[in-house]
Amino acid sequence: LGDIVGEPGRRAVIDALPELKEELDVDFMIVNGENSANGRGITPKIAISLMRAGAAVVTTGDHIWDQKEIIEYLPTEPRVLRPANYPEGVPGYGHVVLETKKGKVAVVNLQGRVFMGQQLDNPFPVISRIVEEIRKETPIILVDFHAEATSEKVAMGWHLDGLVSAVVGTHTHVPTADERILPKGTAFQCDTGMCGPEDSVIGSQIEPVLDRYYRMMPTRFGVGQGTVRINGVLITVDTETGQAIDIERVVRYWDR
């Protein structure tokens, strides 16, 4: 599932995860929680609630440090990831390999650099090194590439085609219609979208955002309210080869 935005998004996801797991016959669920704490960052309490609801791994992105209590928590919980291309010595883990009933599954969290404002280590050589090591344990590797530029995301898909099971983008909060299986067997989608209020500007209240664009003055954005659109992607993987067999967008609405 894509970026969870604020309290509406996380309530919807926590409520919907068990139903989605049963409806879609899901073995392994990944959610991006980097905007789940009032629209910026994630707290240990929220991360735990998402995993209790059924998320096997919680990925993040450029807002990972916005809630300070997460800094001490990350080294204690390898299932909550921060981007793997932060410099050496940064708290937390950039990837994890978990044992499941159908074999080992690896998840890698990676962050782009184009238009992101943070000049992290180059994600292309970083992911190459990580994948080389992970493939010694399992061919089933899922990559959350948290990036702004579609060109950088598409390039990453081609870079990893045949080496990982899937490259799925997050960060822009808008789902793209380019889901496909690349020639060598890697599932790809530029951006899976967000889990947040549909009547909003990528999760934020509409009026403050319009005021910011109209007057170009600093404005505090709150999280939108109302019906939540849950955006995700369902990927079917051959457990022997690690190649993707199918990829399809998942869209659900939550208004309880």
C-alpha atoms as a PDB file:
ATOM      1  CA  LEU A   1       0.000   0.000   0.000  1.00  0.00           C
ATOM      2  CA  GLY A   2       1.166   3.522  -0.810  1.00  0.00           C
ATOM      3  CA  ASP A   3       1.937   6.421   1.514  1.00  0.00           C
ATOM      4  CA  ILE A   4      -0.415   6.505   4.511  1.00  0.00           C
ATOM      5  CA  VAL A   5      -1.437  10.109   5.195  1.00  0.00           C
ATOM      6  CA  GLY A   6      -2.341  11.173   8.715  1.00  0.00           C
ATOM      7  CA  GLU A   7      -4.958   9.836  11.088  1.00  0.00           C
ATOM      8  CA  PRO A   8      -7.628   9.228   8.412  1.00  0.00           C
ATOM      9  CA  GLY A   9      -5.224   7.197   6.306  1.00  0.00           C
ATOM     10  CA  ARG A  10      -3.854   5.077   9.120  1.00  0.00           C
ATOM     11  CA  ARG A  11      -7.325   4.369  10.591  1.00  0.00           C
ATOM     12  CA  ALA A  12      -8.499   3.230   7.164  1.00  0.00           C
ATOM     13  CA  VAL A  13      -5.469   1.021   6.570  1.00  0.00           C
ATOM     14  CA  ILE A  14      -5.534  -0.556  10.027  1.00  0.00           C
ATOM     15  CA  ASP A  15      -9.221  -1.320   9.552  1.00  0.00           C
ATOM     16  CA  ALA A  16      -8.888  -2.545   5.967  1.00  0.00           C
ATOM     17  CA  LEU A  17      -5.716  -4.677   6.154  1.00  0.00           C
ATOM     18  CA  PRO A  18      -7.344  -7.835   7.557  1.00  0.00           C
ATOM     19  CA  GLU A  19     -10.160  -7.614   5.003  1.00  0.00           C
ATOM     20  CA  LEU A  20      -7.771  -7.009   2.115  1.00  0.00           C
ATOM     21  CA  LYS A  21      -5.577  -9.912   3.176  1.00  0.00           C
ATOM     22  CA  GLU A  22      -8.533 -12.298   3.093  1.00  0.00           C
ATOM     23  CA  GLU A  23     -10.202 -10.864  -0.018  1.00  0.00           C
ATOM     24  CA  LEU A  24      -7.037 -10.860  -2.155  1.00  0.00           C
ATOM     25  CA  ASP A  25      -5.459 -13.957  -0.590  1.00  0.00           C
ATOM     26  CA  VAL A  26      -2.332 -12.008   0.327  1.00  0.00           C
ATOM     27  CA  ASP A  27       0.698 -13.774   1.830  1.00  0.00           C
ATOM     28  CA  PHE A  28       2.856 -10.728   2.562  1.00  0.00           C
ATOM     29  CA  MET A  29       1.827  -7.088   3.045  1.00  0.00           C
ATOM     30  CA  ILE A  30       4.017  -3.975   2.850  1.00  0.00           C
ATOM     31  CA  VAL A  31       2.811  -0.467   3.684  1.00  0.00           C
ATOM     32  CA  ASN A  32       4.572   2.872   3.385  1.00  0.00           C
ATOM     33  CA  GLY A  33       3.971   4.735   6.646  1.00  0.00           C
ATOM     34  CA  GLU A  34       6.165   7.802   6.273  1.00  0.00           C
ATOM     35  CA  ASN A  35       3.283  10.318   6.450  1.00  0.00           C
ATOM     36  CA  SER A  36       1.135   8.459   8.964  1.00  0.00           C
ATOM     37  CA  ALA A  37       1.806  10.788  11.934  1.00  0.00           C
ATOM     38  CA  ASN A  38      -0.300  13.893  11.218  1.00  0.00           C
ATOM     39  CA  GLY A  39       0.964  13.928   7.642  1.00  0.00           C
ATOM     40  CA  ARG A  40       4.687  13.952   8.450  1.00  0.00           C
ATOM     41  CA  GLY A  41       6.764  11.043   9.712  1.00  0.00           C
ATOM     42  CA  ILE A  42       5.846   8.018  11.780  1.00  0.00           C
ATOM     43  CA  THR A  43       5.936   7.177  15.485  1.00  0.00           C
ATOM     44  CA  PRO A  44       6.796   3.851  17.139  1.00  0.00           C
ATOM     45  CA  LYS A  45       3.183   3.525  18.326  1.00  0.00           C
ATOM     46  CA  ILE A  46       1.823   3.920  14.784  1.00  0.00           C
ATOM     47  CA  ALA A  47       4.380   1.505  13.337  1.00  0.00           C
ATOM     48  CA  ILE A  48       3.418  -1.131  15.906  1.00  0.00           C
ATOM     49  CA  SER A  49      -0.292  -0.655  15.184  1.00  0.00           C
ATOM     50  CA  LEU A  50       0.281  -1.131  11.438  1.00  0.00           C
ATOM     51  CA  MET A  51       2.222  -4.343  12.009  1.00  0.00           C
ATOM     52  CA  ARG A  52      -0.386  -5.664  14.422  1.00  0.00           C
ATOM     53  CA  ALA A  53      -3.007  -5.028  11.739  1.00  0.00           C
ATOM     54  CA  GLY A  54      -1.119  -7.239   9.296  1.00  0.00           C
ATOM     55  CA  ALA A  55       1.742  -5.297   7.709  1.00  0.00           C
ATOM     56  CA  ALA A  56       4.835  -7.491   7.507  1.00  0.00           C
ATOM     57  CA  VAL A  57       7.079  -4.503   6.756  1.00  0.00           C
ATOM     58  CA  VAL A  58       6.615  -0.730   7.089  1.00  0.00           C
ATOM     59  CA  THR A  59       8.659   1.375   4.668  1.00  0.00           C
ATOM     60  CA  THR A  60       9.274   5.124   4.834  1.00  0.00           C
ATOM     61  CA  GLY A  61      11.018   7.928   2.950  1.00  0.00           C
ATOM     62  CA  ASP A  62      12.170  11.526   3.221  1.00  0.00           C
ATOM     63  CA  HIS A  63       9.992  12.287   6.289  1.00  0.00           C
ATOM     64  CA  ILE A  64      11.420   9.437   8.349  1.00  0.00           C
ATOM     65  CA  TRP A  65      13.053  11.758  10.917  1.00  0.00           C
ATOM     66  CA  ASP A  66      10.133  14.204  11.373  1.00  0.00           C
ATOM     67  CA  GLN A  67       8.954  12.477  14.563  1.00  0.00           C
ATOM     68  CA  LYS A  68      12.010  12.414  16.806  1.00  0.00           C
ATOM     69  CA  GLU A  69      11.009   9.388  18.888  1.00  0.00           C
ATOM     70  CA  ILE A  70      11.477   7.179  15.829  1.00  0.00           C
ATOM     71  CA  ILE A  71      15.264   7.656  15.976  1.00  0.00           C
ATOM     72  CA  GLU A  72      15.745   5.421  19.014  1.00  0.00           C
ATOM     73  CA  TYR A  73      13.078   2.951  17.867  1.00  0.00           C
ATOM     74  CA  LEU A  74      14.423   2.109  14.411  1.00  0.00           C
ATOM     75  CA  PRO A  75      17.491   0.122  15.588  1.00  0.00           C
ATOM     76  CA  THR A  76      15.174  -2.072  17.692  1.00  0.00           C
ATOM     77  CA  GLU A  77      12.730  -3.026  14.904  1.00  0.00           C
ATOM     78  CA  PRO A  78      14.175  -4.289  11.602  1.00  0.00           C
ATOM     79  CA  ARG A  79      10.695  -4.523  10.019  1.00  0.00           C
ATOM     80  CA  VAL A  80      10.378  -0.715  10.020  1.00  0.00           C
ATOM     81  CA  LEU A  81      12.742   0.531   7.324  1.00  0.00           C
ATOM     82  CA  ARG A  82      14.347   3.832   6.455  1.00  0.00           C
ATOM     83  CA  PRO A  83      15.938   4.429   3.016  1.00  0.00           C
ATOM     84  CA  ALA A  84      18.971   2.196   2.523  1.00  0.00           C
ATOM     85  CA  ASN A  85      21.036   4.908   0.831  1.00  0.00           C
ATOM     86  CA  TYR A  86      21.490   7.074   3.908  1.00  0.00           C
ATOM     87  CA  PRO A  87      25.164   7.413   4.871  1.00  0.00           C
ATOM     88  CA  GLU A  88      26.795   4.714   6.977  1.00  0.00           C
ATOM     89  CA  GLY A  89      26.076   5.034  10.684  1.00  0.00           C
ATOM     90  CA  VAL A  90      22.517   6.359  10.403  1.00  0.00           C
ATOM     91  CA  PRO A  91      20.141   4.544  12.820  1.00  0.00           C
ATOM     92  CA  GLY A  92      17.934   1.783  11.518  1.00  0.00           C
ATOM     93  CA  TYR A  93      17.827  -0.659   8.625  1.00  0.00           C
ATOM     94  CA  GLY A  94      17.442  -0.149   4.879  1.00  0.00           C
ATOM     95  CA  HIS A  95      16.385  -3.697   4.092  1.00  0.00           C
ATOM     96  CA  VAL A  96      15.122  -6.815   5.798  1.00  0.00           C
ATOM     97  CA  VAL A  97      14.810 -10.523   4.935  1.00  0.00           C
ATOM     98  CA  LEU A  98      11.902 -12.305   6.599  1.00  0.00           C
ATOM     99  CA  GLU A  99      10.996 -15.987   6.755  1.00  0.00           C
ATOM    100  CA  THR A 100       7.471 -16.793   5.551  1.00  0.00           C
ATOM    101  CA  LYS A 101       5.461 -19.978   4.949  1.00  0.00           C
ATOM    102  CA  LYS A 102       6.467 -19.762   1.283  1.00  0.00           C
ATOM    103  CA  GLY A 103      10.134 -18.973   1.786  1.00  0.00           C
ATOM    104  CA  LYS A 104      12.259 -15.932   2.518  1.00  0.00           C
ATOM    105  CA  VAL A 105      11.056 -12.526   1.327  1.00  0.00           C
ATOM    106  CA  ALA A 106      13.306  -9.450   1.189  1.00  0.00           C
ATOM    107  CA  VAL A 107      12.149  -5.830   1.248  1.00  0.00           C
ATOM    108  CA  VAL A 108      14.422  -2.896   0.403  1.00  0.00           C
ATOM    109  CA  ASN A 109      13.577   0.751   1.048  1.00  0.00           C
ATOM    110  CA  LEU A 110      15.375   3.214  -1.237  1.00  0.00           C
ATOM    111  CA  GLN A 111      15.123   6.966  -1.801  1.00  0.00           C
ATOM    112  CA  GLY A 112      15.630   8.916  -5.015  1.00  0.00           C
ATOM    113  CA  ARG A 113      17.697  12.080  -5.322  1.00  0.00           C
ATOM    114  CA  VAL A 114      16.109  14.048  -8.196  1.00  0.00           C
ATOM    115  CA  PHE A 115      14.012  16.969  -6.836  1.00  0.00           C
ATOM    116  CA  MET A 116      14.066  15.433  -3.352  1.00  0.00           C
ATOM    117  CA  GLY A 117      16.128  18.074  -1.569  1.00  0.00           C
ATOM    118  CA  GLN A 118      18.258  15.477   0.213  1.00  0.00           C
ATOM    119  CA  GLN A 119      21.483  14.417  -1.434  1.00  0.00           C
ATOM    120  CA  LEU A 120      21.693  10.887  -0.135  1.00  0.00           C
ATOM    121  CA  ASP A 121      24.099   8.293  -1.484  1.00  0.00           C
ATOM    122  CA  ASN A 122      23.530   7.343  -5.112  1.00  0.00           C
ATOM    123  CA  PRO A 123      20.682   4.771  -4.989  1.00  0.00           C
ATOM    124  CA  PHE A 124      21.796   2.903  -8.113  1.00  0.00           C
ATOM    125  CA  PRO A 125      25.136   1.492  -6.891  1.00  0.00           C
ATOM    126  CA  VAL A 126      23.721   1.154  -3.367  1.00  0.00           C
ATOM    127  CA  ILE A 127      20.874  -1.103  -4.494  1.00  0.00           C
ATOM    128  CA  SER A 128      23.211  -3.107  -6.723  1.00  0.00           C
ATOM    129  CA  ARG A 129      25.368  -4.004  -3.721  1.00  0.00           C
ATOM    130  CA  ILE A 130      22.371  -4.820  -1.528  1.00  0.00           C
ATOM    131  CA  VAL A 131      20.673  -7.004  -4.126  1.00  0.00           C
ATOM    132  CA  GLU A 132      23.865  -8.940  -4.774  1.00  0.00           C
ATOM    133  CA  GLU A 133      24.013  -9.881  -1.092  1.00  0.00           C
ATOM    134  CA  ILE A 134      20.279 -10.593  -0.697  1.00  0.00           C
ATOM    135  CA  ARG A 135      20.174 -12.910  -3.710  1.00  0.00           C
ATOM    136  CA  LYS A 136      22.478 -15.267  -1.799  1.00  0.00           C
ATOM    137  CA  GLU A 137      19.491 -15.851   0.519  1.00  0.00           C
ATOM    138  CA  THR A 138      16.398 -15.402  -1.657  1.00  0.00           C
ATOM    139  CA  PRO A 139      15.336 -14.356  -5.176  1.00  0.00           C
ATOM    140  CA  ILE A 140      12.127 -12.773  -3.829  1.00  0.00           C
ATOM    141  CA  ILE A 141      13.036  -9.095  -3.437  1.00  0.00           C
ATOM    142  CA  LEU A 142      10.572  -6.188  -3.301  1.00  0.00           C
ATOM    143  CA  VAL A 143      11.858  -2.616  -3.599  1.00  0.00           C
ATOM    144  CA  ASP A 144      10.002   0.506  -2.421  1.00  0.00           C
ATOM    145  CA  PHE A 145      11.654   3.341  -4.360  1.00  0.00           C
ATOM    146  CA  HIS A 146      10.591   6.561  -2.662  1.00  0.00           C
ATOM    147  CA  ALA A 147      11.260   9.197  -5.302  1.00  0.00           C
ATOM    148  CA  GLU A 148       9.815  12.275  -7.026  1.00  0.00           C
ATOM    149  CA  ALA A 149      10.917  12.046 -10.653  1.00  0.00           C
ATOM    150  CA  THR A 150       9.193   9.502 -12.860  1.00  0.00           C
ATOM    151  CA  SER A 151      12.336   9.277 -14.985  1.00  0.00           C
ATOM    152  CA  GLU A 152      14.418   8.219 -11.986  1.00  0.00           C
ATOM    153  CA  LYS A 153      11.821   5.616 -11.014  1.00  0.00           C
ATOM    154  CA  VAL A 154      11.558   4.187 -14.517  1.00  0.00           C
ATOM    155  CA  ALA A 155      15.354   4.064 -14.752  1.00  0.00           C
ATOM    156  CA  MET A 156      15.483   2.131 -11.474  1.00  0.00           C
ATOM    157  CA  GLY A 157      12.962  -0.351 -12.830  1.00  0.00           C
ATOM    158  CA  TRP A 158      15.150  -1.048 -15.850  1.00  0.00           C
ATOM    159  CA  HIS A 159      18.284  -1.112 -13.688  1.00  0.00           C
ATOM    160  CA  LEU A 160      16.815  -3.891 -11.532  1.00  0.00           C
ATOM    161  CA  ASP A 161      14.878  -5.806 -14.186  1.00  0.00           C
ATOM    162  CA  GLY A 162      15.540  -9.504 -13.685  1.00  0.00           C
ATOM    163  CA  LEU A 163      17.349  -8.926 -10.381  1.00  0.00           C
ATOM    164  CA  VAL A 164      14.351  -8.242  -8.119  1.00  0.00           C
ATOM    165  CA  SER A 165      10.714  -9.292  -8.058  1.00  0.00           C
ATOM    166  CA  ALA A 166       9.266  -5.781  -8.012  1.00  0.00           C
ATOM    167  CA  VAL A 167      10.124  -2.088  -8.020  1.00  0.00           C
ATOM    168  CA  VAL A 168       7.204   0.000  -6.783  1.00  0.00           C
ATOM    169  CA  GLY A 169       7.434   3.765  -6.409  1.00  0.00           C
ATOM    170  CA  THR A 170       6.050   5.866  -3.565  1.00  0.00           C
ATOM    171  CA  HIS A 171       6.179   9.562  -2.553  1.00  0.00           C
ATOM    172  CA  THR A 172       4.056  11.493  -5.091  1.00  0.00           C
ATOM    173  CA  HIS A 173       0.736  10.246  -3.618  1.00  0.00           C
ATOM    174  CA  VAL A 174      -0.768   9.925  -7.120  1.00  0.00           C
ATOM    175  CA  PRO A 175      -1.180   6.389  -8.526  1.00  0.00           C
ATOM    176  CA  THR A 176       0.216   5.868 -11.999  1.00  0.00           C
ATOM    177  CA  ALA A 177      -1.311   3.705 -14.730  1.00  0.00           C
ATOM    178  CA  ASP A 178       1.965   2.159 -15.896  1.00  0.00           C
ATOM    179  CA  GLU A 179       1.978  -1.121 -13.986  1.00  0.00           C
ATOM    180  CA  ARG A 180       3.657  -3.851 -16.025  1.00  0.00           C
ATOM    181  CA  ILE A 181       6.028  -6.795 -15.972  1.00  0.00           C
ATOM    182  CA  LEU A 182       9.374  -5.772 -17.442  1.00  0.00           C
ATOM    183  CA  PRO A 183      11.007  -8.134 -19.993  1.00  0.00           C
ATOM    184  CA  LYS A 184      13.204  -9.997 -17.492  1.00  0.00           C
ATOM    185  CA  GLY A 185      10.436 -10.557 -14.939  1.00  0.00           C
ATOM    186  CA  THR A 186      10.372  -7.553 -12.600  1.00  0.00           C
ATOM    187  CA  ALA A 187       6.997  -6.019 -11.742  1.00  0.00           C
ATOM    188  CA  PHE A 188       7.027  -2.223 -11.937  1.00  0.00           C
ATOM    189  CA  GLN A 189       4.789   0.742 -11.134  1.00  0.00           C
ATOM    190  CA  CYS A 190       5.990   4.340 -10.996  1.00  0.00           C
ATOM    191  CA  ASP A 191       3.854   5.235  -7.992  1.00  0.00           C
ATOM    192  CA  THR A 192       1.307   3.255  -6.053  1.00  0.00           C
ATOM    193  CA  GLY A 193      -0.437   6.394  -4.753  1.00  0.00           C
ATOM    194  CA  MET A 194      -1.533   7.226  -1.214  1.00  0.00           C
ATOM    195  CA  CYS A 195      -3.862   5.952   1.455  1.00  0.00           C
ATOM    196  CA  GLY A 196      -5.490   9.229   2.462  1.00  0.00           C
ATOM    197  CA  PRO A 197      -8.481  11.551   2.053  1.00  0.00           C
ATOM    198  CA  GLU A 198      -9.625  11.646  -1.558  1.00  0.00           C
ATOM    199  CA  ASP A 199     -11.018  15.204  -1.325  1.00  0.00           C
ATOM    200  CA  SER A 200      -7.651  16.791  -0.623  1.00  0.00           C
ATOM    201  CA  VAL A 201      -4.460  17.934  -2.293  1.00  0.00           C
ATOM    202  CA  ILE A 202      -2.342  14.772  -2.044  1.00  0.00           C
ATOM    203  CA  GLY A 203      -3.671  14.325   1.496  1.00  0.00           C
ATOM    204  CA  SER A 204      -3.635  17.936   2.723  1.00  0.00           C
ATOM    205  CA  GLN A 205      -6.600  20.234   3.313  1.00  0.00           C
ATOM    206  CA  ILE A 206      -7.593  21.951   0.093  1.00  0.00           C
ATOM    207  CA  GLU A 207      -8.068  25.589   1.146  1.00  0.00           C
ATOM    208  CA  PRO A 208      -4.657  26.147   2.815  1.00  0.00           C
ATOM    209  CA  VAL A 209      -2.932  24.647  -0.224  1.00  0.00           C
ATOM    210  CA  LEU A 210      -4.896  26.873  -2.604  1.00  0.00           C
ATOM    211  CA  ASP A 211      -4.027  29.880  -0.449  1.00  0.00           C
ATOM    212  CA  ARG A 212      -0.342  28.969  -0.631  1.00  0.00           C
ATOM    213  CA  TYR A 213      -0.448  28.713  -4.416  1.00  0.00           C
ATOM    214  CA  TYR A 214      -2.479  31.907  -4.757  1.00  0.00           C
ATOM    215  CA  ARG A 215      -0.537  34.197  -2.374  1.00  0.00           C
ATOM    216  CA  MET A 216       2.815  32.351  -2.183  1.00  0.00           C
ATOM    217  CA  MET A 217       2.882  32.935   1.574  1.00  0.00           C
ATOM    218  CA  PRO A 218       3.898  30.353   4.206  1.00  0.00           C
ATOM    219  CA  THR A 219       0.840  28.319   5.202  1.00  0.00           C
ATOM    220  CA  ARG A 220       0.365  25.411   7.574  1.00  0.00           C
ATOM    221  CA  PHE A 221      -1.286  22.435   5.882  1.00  0.00           C
ATOM    222  CA  GLY A 222      -3.555  20.151   7.877  1.00  0.00           C
ATOM    223  CA  VAL A 223      -4.544  16.628   6.852  1.00  0.00           C
ATOM    224  CA  GLY A 224      -7.756  16.397   4.843  1.00  0.00           C
ATOM    225  CA  GLN A 225     -10.858  14.601   6.077  1.00  0.00           C
ATOM    226  CA  GLY A 226     -13.648  12.511   4.622  1.00  0.00           C
ATOM    227  CA  THR A 227     -13.624   9.356   2.519  1.00  0.00           C
ATOM    228  CA  VAL A 228     -10.223   7.713   2.304  1.00  0.00           C
ATOM    229  CA  ARG A 229      -8.978   6.183  -0.917  1.00  0.00           C
ATOM    230  CA  ILE A 230      -6.691   3.215  -0.300  1.00  0.00           C
ATOM    231  CA  ASN A 231      -4.213   2.737  -3.137  1.00  0.00           C
ATOM    232  CA  GLY A 232      -2.042  -0.297  -3.506  1.00  0.00           C
ATOM    233  CA  VAL A 233      -0.684  -2.878  -5.879  1.00  0.00           C
ATOM    234  CA  LEU A 234      -1.039  -6.652  -5.821  1.00  0.00           C
ATOM    235  CA  ILE A 235       1.954  -8.590  -7.123  1.00  0.00           C
ATOM    236  CA  THR A 236       2.091 -12.325  -7.759  1.00  0.00           C
ATOM    237  CA  VAL A 237       5.581 -13.826  -7.610  1.00  0.00           C
ATOM    238  CA  ASP A 238       6.998 -17.218  -8.580  1.00  0.00           C
ATOM    239  CA  THR A 239       8.581 -18.372  -5.333  1.00  0.00           C
ATOM    240  CA  GLU A 240      11.178 -20.498  -7.096  1.00  0.00           C
ATOM    241  CA  THR A 241      12.563 -17.905  -9.515  1.00  0.00           C
ATOM    242  CA  GLY A 242      11.541 -14.669  -7.805  1.00  0.00           C
ATOM    243  CA  GLN A 243      10.091 -13.406 -11.084  1.00  0.00           C
ATOM    244  CA  ALA A 244       6.788 -11.553 -11.077  1.00  0.00           C
ATOM    245  CA  ILE A 245       3.847 -13.295 -12.724  1.00  0.00           C
ATOM    246  CA  ASP A 246       1.257 -10.534 -12.420  1.00  0.00           C
ATOM    247  CA  ILE A 247       0.764  -6.995 -11.151  1.00  0.00           C
ATOM    248  CA  GLU A 248      -2.508  -5.135 -10.719  1.00  0.00           C
ATOM    249  CA  ARG A 249      -3.612  -1.919  -9.071  1.00  0.00           C
ATOM    250  CA  VAL A 250      -5.797  -2.160  -5.969  1.00  0.00           C
ATOM    251  CA  VAL A 251      -8.194   0.675  -5.073  1.00  0.00           C
ATOM    252  CA  ARG A 252     -10.609   0.613  -2.127  1.00  0.00           C
ATOM    253  CA  TYR A 253     -12.644   3.296  -0.335  1.00  0.00           C
ATOM    254  CA  TRP A 254     -13.069   3.637   3.404  1.00  0.00           C
ATOM    255  CA  ASP A 255     -15.637   6.003   4.923  1.00  0.00           C
ATOM    256  CA  ARG A 256     -16.586   4.470   8.268  1.00  0.00           C
END
